[in-house]
Amino acid sequence: MPDYPLAEKIPERLRTPTGRALDELTLDALLDGRVTLEDLRVTAEALELQAQVAEAAARPQLAANLRRAGELVDVPEELILEIYRALRPGRSSVQRMEQLAAELESRYGASDCAALVREAAESARSV
């Protein structure tokens, strides 16, 4: 794992969602207002790099989780919370879970996350 930790080994490949370089995230920049909360969010690219590290360390489940997280970086928090609530047993209809899966896939390109929601809907259907 020659590129791990990413921030030390390949900082030039890490960018904020607004395109700032990692070395631009300083306390002075924050205090001056040049760095915003948006700059502190994780990116799908950073999560993909972390997934590659996990695969190199023979941790495929962690890599899959990181890739699914990468699919969710642009999904609004309200929708993520709605999906979370819907996945709790007895909290949502199968139809609603299927709608949420379709929205994840069509609107946000989150096909792996949509597959998990569909799997939960199928499990709920068979109960």
N, C-alpha and C. Protein backbone atom coordinates (compact mmCIF):
# COMPACT_ATOMS: atom_id res chain seq x y z
N MET A 1 0.83 -1.18 0.00
CA MET A 1 0.00 0.00 0.00
C MET A 1 0.88 1.24 0.00
N PRO A 2 1.55 1.47 -1.09
CA PRO A 2 2.50 2.59 -1.14
C PRO A 2 1.85 3.96 -1.06
N ASP A 3 0.56 4.08 -1.37
CA ASP A 3 -0.10 5.39 -1.36
C ASP A 3 -0.83 5.70 -0.05
N TYR A 4 -0.65 4.86 0.96
CA TYR A 4 -1.37 5.07 2.22
C TYR A 4 -0.43 5.55 3.30
N PRO A 5 -0.80 6.53 4.09
CA PRO A 5 -2.03 7.32 4.07
C PRO A 5 -2.06 8.33 2.92
N LEU A 6 -3.19 8.46 2.34
CA LEU A 6 -3.35 9.28 1.14
C LEU A 6 -2.91 10.72 1.34
N ALA A 7 -3.29 11.33 2.44
CA ALA A 7 -2.97 12.74 2.68
C ALA A 7 -1.47 12.98 2.79
N GLU A 8 -0.72 11.96 3.16
CA GLU A 8 0.74 12.11 3.26
C GLU A 8 1.44 11.69 1.97
N LYS A 9 0.95 10.65 1.33
CA LYS A 9 1.65 10.09 0.17
C LYS A 9 1.25 10.69 -1.16
N ILE A 10 -0.03 11.01 -1.33
CA ILE A 10 -0.48 11.57 -2.62
C ILE A 10 -1.45 12.74 -2.40
N PRO A 11 -1.05 13.73 -1.61
CA PRO A 11 -1.96 14.85 -1.34
C PRO A 11 -2.38 15.60 -2.60
N GLU A 12 -1.55 15.56 -3.62
CA GLU A 12 -1.87 16.27 -4.86
C GLU A 12 -3.09 15.66 -5.57
N ARG A 13 -3.46 14.43 -5.23
CA ARG A 13 -4.62 13.78 -5.86
C ARG A 13 -5.91 14.03 -5.07
N LEU A 14 -5.79 14.68 -3.93
CA LEU A 14 -6.97 14.93 -3.10
C LEU A 14 -7.42 16.36 -3.27
N ARG A 15 -8.69 16.53 -3.53
CA ARG A 15 -9.30 17.85 -3.72
C ARG A 15 -10.59 17.91 -2.92
N THR A 16 -10.98 19.11 -2.56
CA THR A 16 -12.26 19.30 -1.89
C THR A 16 -13.37 19.29 -2.94
N PRO A 17 -14.62 19.23 -2.50
CA PRO A 17 -15.71 19.30 -3.49
C PRO A 17 -15.71 20.59 -4.30
N THR A 18 -15.09 21.65 -3.77
CA THR A 18 -15.02 22.91 -4.52
C THR A 18 -13.74 23.03 -5.34
N GLY A 19 -12.91 21.98 -5.30
CA GLY A 19 -11.70 21.97 -6.11
C GLY A 19 -10.44 22.45 -5.42
N ARG A 20 -10.53 22.80 -4.15
CA ARG A 20 -9.33 23.25 -3.43
C ARG A 20 -8.38 22.08 -3.19
N ALA A 21 -7.09 22.39 -3.21
CA ALA A 21 -6.07 21.40 -2.88
C ALA A 21 -6.05 21.19 -1.38
N LEU A 22 -5.61 20.03 -0.97
CA LEU A 22 -5.57 19.69 0.45
C LEU A 22 -4.74 20.69 1.26
N ASP A 23 -3.64 21.16 0.69
CA ASP A 23 -2.77 22.09 1.44
C ASP A 23 -3.39 23.48 1.60
N GLU A 24 -4.51 23.74 0.93
CA GLU A 24 -5.22 25.01 1.09
C GLU A 24 -6.15 25.01 2.31
N LEU A 25 -6.35 23.86 2.91
CA LEU A 25 -7.23 23.74 4.08
C LEU A 25 -6.43 24.04 5.34
N THR A 26 -6.34 25.31 5.64
CA THR A 26 -5.58 25.75 6.81
C THR A 26 -6.51 26.49 7.76
N LEU A 27 -6.07 26.63 8.99
CA LEU A 27 -6.83 27.38 9.98
C LEU A 27 -6.98 28.83 9.54
N ASP A 28 -5.91 29.41 9.01
CA ASP A 28 -5.97 30.80 8.54
C ASP A 28 -7.01 30.95 7.43
N ALA A 29 -7.02 29.99 6.50
CA ALA A 29 -7.99 30.05 5.40
C ALA A 29 -9.42 29.93 5.93
N LEU A 30 -9.61 29.10 6.93
CA LEU A 30 -10.92 28.95 7.54
C LEU A 30 -11.35 30.24 8.24
N LEU A 31 -10.45 30.81 9.02
CA LEU A 31 -10.75 32.05 9.75
C LEU A 31 -11.00 33.22 8.81
N ASP A 32 -10.33 33.23 7.67
CA ASP A 32 -10.51 34.29 6.67
C ASP A 32 -11.75 34.08 5.80
N GLY A 33 -12.40 32.93 5.95
CA GLY A 33 -13.58 32.64 5.14
C GLY A 33 -13.29 32.07 3.77
N ARG A 34 -12.03 31.76 3.50
CA ARG A 34 -11.68 31.17 2.20
C ARG A 34 -12.02 29.69 2.14
N VAL A 35 -12.16 29.04 3.28
CA VAL A 35 -12.55 27.64 3.36
C VAL A 35 -13.94 27.59 3.99
N THR A 36 -14.84 26.86 3.35
CA THR A 36 -16.22 26.74 3.84
C THR A 36 -16.51 25.30 4.25
N LEU A 37 -17.67 25.08 4.80
CA LEU A 37 -18.07 23.71 5.15
C LEU A 37 -18.05 22.79 3.93
N GLU A 38 -18.40 23.32 2.78
CA GLU A 38 -18.39 22.51 1.55
C GLU A 38 -17.00 21.96 1.28
N ASP A 39 -15.96 22.71 1.63
CA ASP A 39 -14.59 22.26 1.43
C ASP A 39 -14.22 21.09 2.34
N LEU A 40 -14.96 20.91 3.40
CA LEU A 40 -14.61 19.89 4.38
C LEU A 40 -15.35 18.57 4.15
N ARG A 41 -16.19 18.52 3.13
CA ARG A 41 -16.90 17.28 2.80
C ARG A 41 -15.99 16.34 2.01
N VAL A 42 -16.25 15.07 2.15
CA VAL A 42 -15.49 14.07 1.42
C VAL A 42 -15.97 14.03 -0.04
N THR A 43 -15.11 13.61 -0.93
CA THR A 43 -15.48 13.49 -2.34
C THR A 43 -15.55 12.02 -2.74
N ALA A 44 -16.27 11.77 -3.80
CA ALA A 44 -16.34 10.40 -4.33
C ALA A 44 -14.96 9.93 -4.77
N GLU A 45 -14.15 10.85 -5.29
CA GLU A 45 -12.80 10.48 -5.74
C GLU A 45 -11.93 10.04 -4.56
N ALA A 46 -12.02 10.75 -3.45
CA ALA A 46 -11.23 10.37 -2.26
C ALA A 46 -11.69 9.02 -1.73
N LEU A 47 -12.99 8.79 -1.74
CA LEU A 47 -13.50 7.50 -1.28
C LEU A 47 -13.08 6.37 -2.21
N GLU A 48 -13.01 6.65 -3.50
CA GLU A 48 -12.53 5.63 -4.44
C GLU A 48 -11.06 5.30 -4.19
N LEU A 49 -10.26 6.32 -3.93
CA LEU A 49 -8.85 6.07 -3.60
C LEU A 49 -8.75 5.23 -2.33
N GLN A 50 -9.58 5.51 -1.34
CA GLN A 50 -9.59 4.72 -0.11
C GLN A 50 -10.04 3.29 -0.40
N ALA A 51 -11.00 3.13 -1.30
CA ALA A 51 -11.46 1.79 -1.68
C ALA A 51 -10.33 0.99 -2.34
N GLN A 52 -9.54 1.66 -3.15
CA GLN A 52 -8.40 0.98 -3.78
C GLN A 52 -7.39 0.52 -2.74
N VAL A 53 -7.18 1.34 -1.72
CA VAL A 53 -6.28 0.96 -0.62
C VAL A 53 -6.85 -0.25 0.10
N ALA A 54 -8.15 -0.24 0.37
CA ALA A 54 -8.79 -1.37 1.04
C ALA A 54 -8.65 -2.65 0.22
N GLU A 55 -8.83 -2.55 -1.08
CA GLU A 55 -8.66 -3.74 -1.94
C GLU A 55 -7.24 -4.25 -1.89
N ALA A 56 -6.28 -3.33 -1.92
CA ALA A 56 -4.86 -3.74 -1.86
C ALA A 56 -4.54 -4.42 -0.54
N ALA A 57 -5.30 -4.10 0.51
CA ALA A 57 -5.10 -4.70 1.83
C ALA A 57 -5.99 -5.94 2.00
N ALA A 58 -6.56 -6.42 0.92
CA ALA A 58 -7.41 -7.62 0.93
C ALA A 58 -8.64 -7.43 1.82
N ARG A 59 -9.26 -6.25 1.71
CA ARG A 59 -10.47 -5.95 2.48
C ARG A 59 -11.59 -5.55 1.52
N PRO A 60 -12.10 -6.53 0.76
CA PRO A 60 -13.10 -6.22 -0.28
C PRO A 60 -14.40 -5.66 0.26
N GLN A 61 -14.84 -6.08 1.44
CA GLN A 61 -16.09 -5.55 1.98
C GLN A 61 -15.95 -4.08 2.33
N LEU A 62 -14.82 -3.70 2.90
CA LEU A 62 -14.56 -2.30 3.20
C LEU A 62 -14.52 -1.50 1.90
N ALA A 63 -13.87 -2.03 0.88
CA ALA A 63 -13.80 -1.34 -0.41
C ALA A 63 -15.21 -1.12 -0.97
N ALA A 64 -16.06 -2.14 -0.88
CA ALA A 64 -17.43 -2.00 -1.38
C ALA A 64 -18.19 -0.94 -0.59
N ASN A 65 -18.01 -0.92 0.72
CA ASN A 65 -18.67 0.10 1.55
C ASN A 65 -18.21 1.50 1.18
N LEU A 66 -16.92 1.67 0.95
CA LEU A 66 -16.39 2.98 0.57
C LEU A 66 -16.93 3.42 -0.78
N ARG A 67 -17.08 2.49 -1.70
CA ARG A 67 -17.63 2.84 -3.02
C ARG A 67 -19.11 3.22 -2.91
N ARG A 68 -19.85 2.51 -2.06
CA ARG A 68 -21.25 2.90 -1.86
C ARG A 68 -21.32 4.28 -1.20
N ALA A 69 -20.43 4.55 -0.26
CA ALA A 69 -20.39 5.89 0.34
C ALA A 69 -20.11 6.94 -0.73
N GLY A 70 -19.23 6.62 -1.66
CA GLY A 70 -18.92 7.54 -2.75
C GLY A 70 -20.14 7.85 -3.60
N GLU A 71 -21.02 6.86 -3.74
CA GLU A 71 -22.25 7.08 -4.50
C GLU A 71 -23.17 8.08 -3.80
N LEU A 72 -23.03 8.20 -2.50
CA LEU A 72 -23.96 9.02 -1.73
C LEU A 72 -23.50 10.46 -1.48
N VAL A 73 -22.31 10.82 -1.92
CA VAL A 73 -21.81 12.15 -1.57
C VAL A 73 -22.68 13.29 -2.10
N ASP A 74 -23.38 13.09 -3.19
CA ASP A 74 -24.22 14.15 -3.74
C ASP A 74 -25.70 13.97 -3.42
N VAL A 75 -26.02 12.94 -2.66
CA VAL A 75 -27.42 12.70 -2.28
C VAL A 75 -27.74 13.60 -1.08
N PRO A 76 -28.83 14.34 -1.15
CA PRO A 76 -29.18 15.23 -0.03
C PRO A 76 -29.37 14.44 1.28
N GLU A 77 -28.96 15.07 2.36
CA GLU A 77 -29.06 14.43 3.67
C GLU A 77 -30.49 14.01 4.00
N GLU A 78 -31.46 14.81 3.60
CA GLU A 78 -32.86 14.48 3.87
C GLU A 78 -33.25 13.16 3.23
N LEU A 79 -32.78 12.92 2.01
CA LEU A 79 -33.10 11.67 1.33
C LEU A 79 -32.38 10.50 2.00
N ILE A 80 -31.14 10.71 2.39
CA ILE A 80 -30.40 9.64 3.09
C ILE A 80 -31.13 9.27 4.38
N LEU A 81 -31.59 10.27 5.12
CA LEU A 81 -32.33 9.98 6.35
C LEU A 81 -33.65 9.28 6.08
N GLU A 82 -34.32 9.66 5.01
CA GLU A 82 -35.56 8.98 4.64
C GLU A 82 -35.29 7.51 4.30
N ILE A 83 -34.23 7.27 3.57
CA ILE A 83 -33.87 5.89 3.22
C ILE A 83 -33.52 5.11 4.48
N TYR A 84 -32.76 5.72 5.37
CA TYR A 84 -32.40 5.07 6.64
C TYR A 84 -33.66 4.66 7.41
N ARG A 85 -34.61 5.59 7.51
CA ARG A 85 -35.85 5.28 8.23
C ARG A 85 -36.62 4.17 7.50
N ALA A 86 -36.66 4.24 6.19
CA ALA A 86 -37.41 3.24 5.42
C ALA A 86 -36.82 1.84 5.57
N LEU A 87 -35.53 1.76 5.78
CA LEU A 87 -34.88 0.45 5.88
C LEU A 87 -35.07 -0.21 7.25
N ARG A 88 -35.56 0.54 8.21
CA ARG A 88 -35.82 -0.05 9.52
C ARG A 88 -37.04 -0.95 9.42
N PRO A 89 -37.01 -2.10 10.04
CA PRO A 89 -38.13 -3.06 9.93
C PRO A 89 -39.49 -2.45 10.26
N GLY A 90 -40.43 -2.66 9.36
CA GLY A 90 -41.80 -2.22 9.57
C GLY A 90 -42.03 -0.73 9.43
N ARG A 91 -41.06 0.02 8.96
CA ARG A 91 -41.19 1.49 8.89
C ARG A 91 -41.64 2.00 7.53
N SER A 92 -41.59 1.14 6.52
CA SER A 92 -41.92 1.62 5.18
C SER A 92 -42.52 0.48 4.37
N SER A 93 -43.25 0.86 3.34
CA SER A 93 -43.82 -0.15 2.45
C SER A 93 -42.77 -0.60 1.44
N VAL A 94 -43.00 -1.77 0.90
CA VAL A 94 -42.13 -2.28 -0.16
C VAL A 94 -42.14 -1.32 -1.34
N GLN A 95 -43.32 -0.81 -1.67
CA GLN A 95 -43.44 0.12 -2.79
C GLN A 95 -42.59 1.36 -2.56
N ARG A 96 -42.60 1.92 -1.36
CA ARG A 96 -41.82 3.12 -1.08
C ARG A 96 -40.33 2.82 -1.17
N MET A 97 -39.90 1.67 -0.67
CA MET A 97 -38.49 1.30 -0.77
C MET A 97 -38.07 1.17 -2.23
N GLU A 98 -38.94 0.60 -3.05
CA GLU A 98 -38.62 0.49 -4.47
C GLU A 98 -38.55 1.87 -5.13
N GLN A 99 -39.41 2.79 -4.71
CA GLN A 99 -39.36 4.16 -5.23
C GLN A 99 -38.05 4.84 -4.84
N LEU A 100 -37.65 4.65 -3.59
CA LEU A 100 -36.39 5.24 -3.13
C LEU A 100 -35.21 4.66 -3.91
N ALA A 101 -35.23 3.36 -4.15
CA ALA A 101 -34.15 2.72 -4.92
C ALA A 101 -34.11 3.29 -6.33
N ALA A 102 -35.28 3.46 -6.93
CA ALA A 102 -35.33 4.01 -8.30
C ALA A 102 -34.78 5.44 -8.33
N GLU A 103 -35.11 6.23 -7.31
CA GLU A 103 -34.61 7.61 -7.25
C GLU A 103 -33.09 7.63 -7.08
N LEU A 104 -32.58 6.77 -6.20
CA LEU A 104 -31.12 6.70 -6.02
C LEU A 104 -30.43 6.40 -7.35
N GLU A 105 -30.99 5.45 -8.06
CA GLU A 105 -30.35 5.01 -9.30
C GLU A 105 -30.50 6.03 -10.43
N SER A 106 -31.72 6.50 -10.64
CA SER A 106 -31.96 7.36 -11.81
C SER A 106 -31.46 8.79 -11.59
N ARG A 107 -31.65 9.31 -10.40
CA ARG A 107 -31.31 10.71 -10.16
C ARG A 107 -29.86 10.92 -9.75
N TYR A 108 -29.30 9.95 -9.01
CA TYR A 108 -27.96 10.13 -8.46
C TYR A 108 -26.94 9.11 -8.96
N GLY A 109 -27.36 8.17 -9.79
CA GLY A 109 -26.44 7.18 -10.32
C GLY A 109 -25.89 6.23 -9.27
N ALA A 110 -26.62 6.10 -8.15
CA ALA A 110 -26.16 5.28 -7.02
C ALA A 110 -26.70 3.86 -7.16
N SER A 111 -26.20 3.15 -8.15
CA SER A 111 -26.75 1.83 -8.46
C SER A 111 -26.45 0.78 -7.39
N ASP A 112 -25.29 0.82 -6.77
CA ASP A 112 -24.99 -0.15 -5.72
C ASP A 112 -25.85 0.09 -4.48
N CYS A 113 -26.05 1.35 -4.12
CA CYS A 113 -26.92 1.68 -2.99
C CYS A 113 -28.37 1.31 -3.32
N ALA A 114 -28.79 1.57 -4.54
CA ALA A 114 -30.14 1.20 -4.96
C ALA A 114 -30.35 -0.30 -4.85
N ALA A 115 -29.33 -1.06 -5.21
CA ALA A 115 -29.43 -2.52 -5.12
C ALA A 115 -29.64 -2.97 -3.68
N LEU A 116 -28.99 -2.31 -2.73
CA LEU A 116 -29.18 -2.65 -1.32
C LEU A 116 -30.60 -2.33 -0.86
N VAL A 117 -31.14 -1.22 -1.30
CA VAL A 117 -32.50 -0.85 -0.93
C VAL A 117 -33.48 -1.85 -1.56
N ARG A 118 -33.24 -2.23 -2.78
CA ARG A 118 -34.09 -3.23 -3.43
C ARG A 118 -34.02 -4.59 -2.72
N GLU A 119 -32.83 -4.94 -2.27
CA GLU A 119 -32.67 -6.19 -1.52
C GLU A 119 -33.49 -6.13 -0.22
N ALA A 120 -33.48 -5.00 0.44
CA ALA A 120 -34.29 -4.84 1.66
C ALA A 120 -35.78 -4.91 1.33
N ALA A 121 -36.17 -4.31 0.22
CA ALA A 121 -37.57 -4.36 -0.19
C ALA A 121 -37.99 -5.81 -0.47
N GLU A 122 -37.13 -6.54 -1.12
CA GLU A 122 -37.42 -7.96 -1.41
C GLU A 122 -37.54 -8.77 -0.13
N SER A 123 -36.67 -8.50 0.83
CA SER A 123 -36.75 -9.19 2.12
C SER A 123 -38.05 -8.86 2.84
N ALA A 124 -38.45 -7.58 2.77
CA ALA A 124 -39.70 -7.16 3.41
C ALA A 124 -40.90 -7.79 2.73
N ARG A 125 -40.80 -7.97 1.44
CA ARG A 125 -41.89 -8.59 0.67
C ARG A 125 -42.12 -10.03 1.10
N SER A 126 -41.05 -10.72 1.42
CA SER A 126 -41.16 -12.15 1.75
C SER A 126 -41.50 -12.40 3.22
N VAL A 127 -41.65 -11.32 4.00
CA VAL A 127 -41.99 -11.49 5.43
C VAL A 127 -43.47 -11.60 5.61
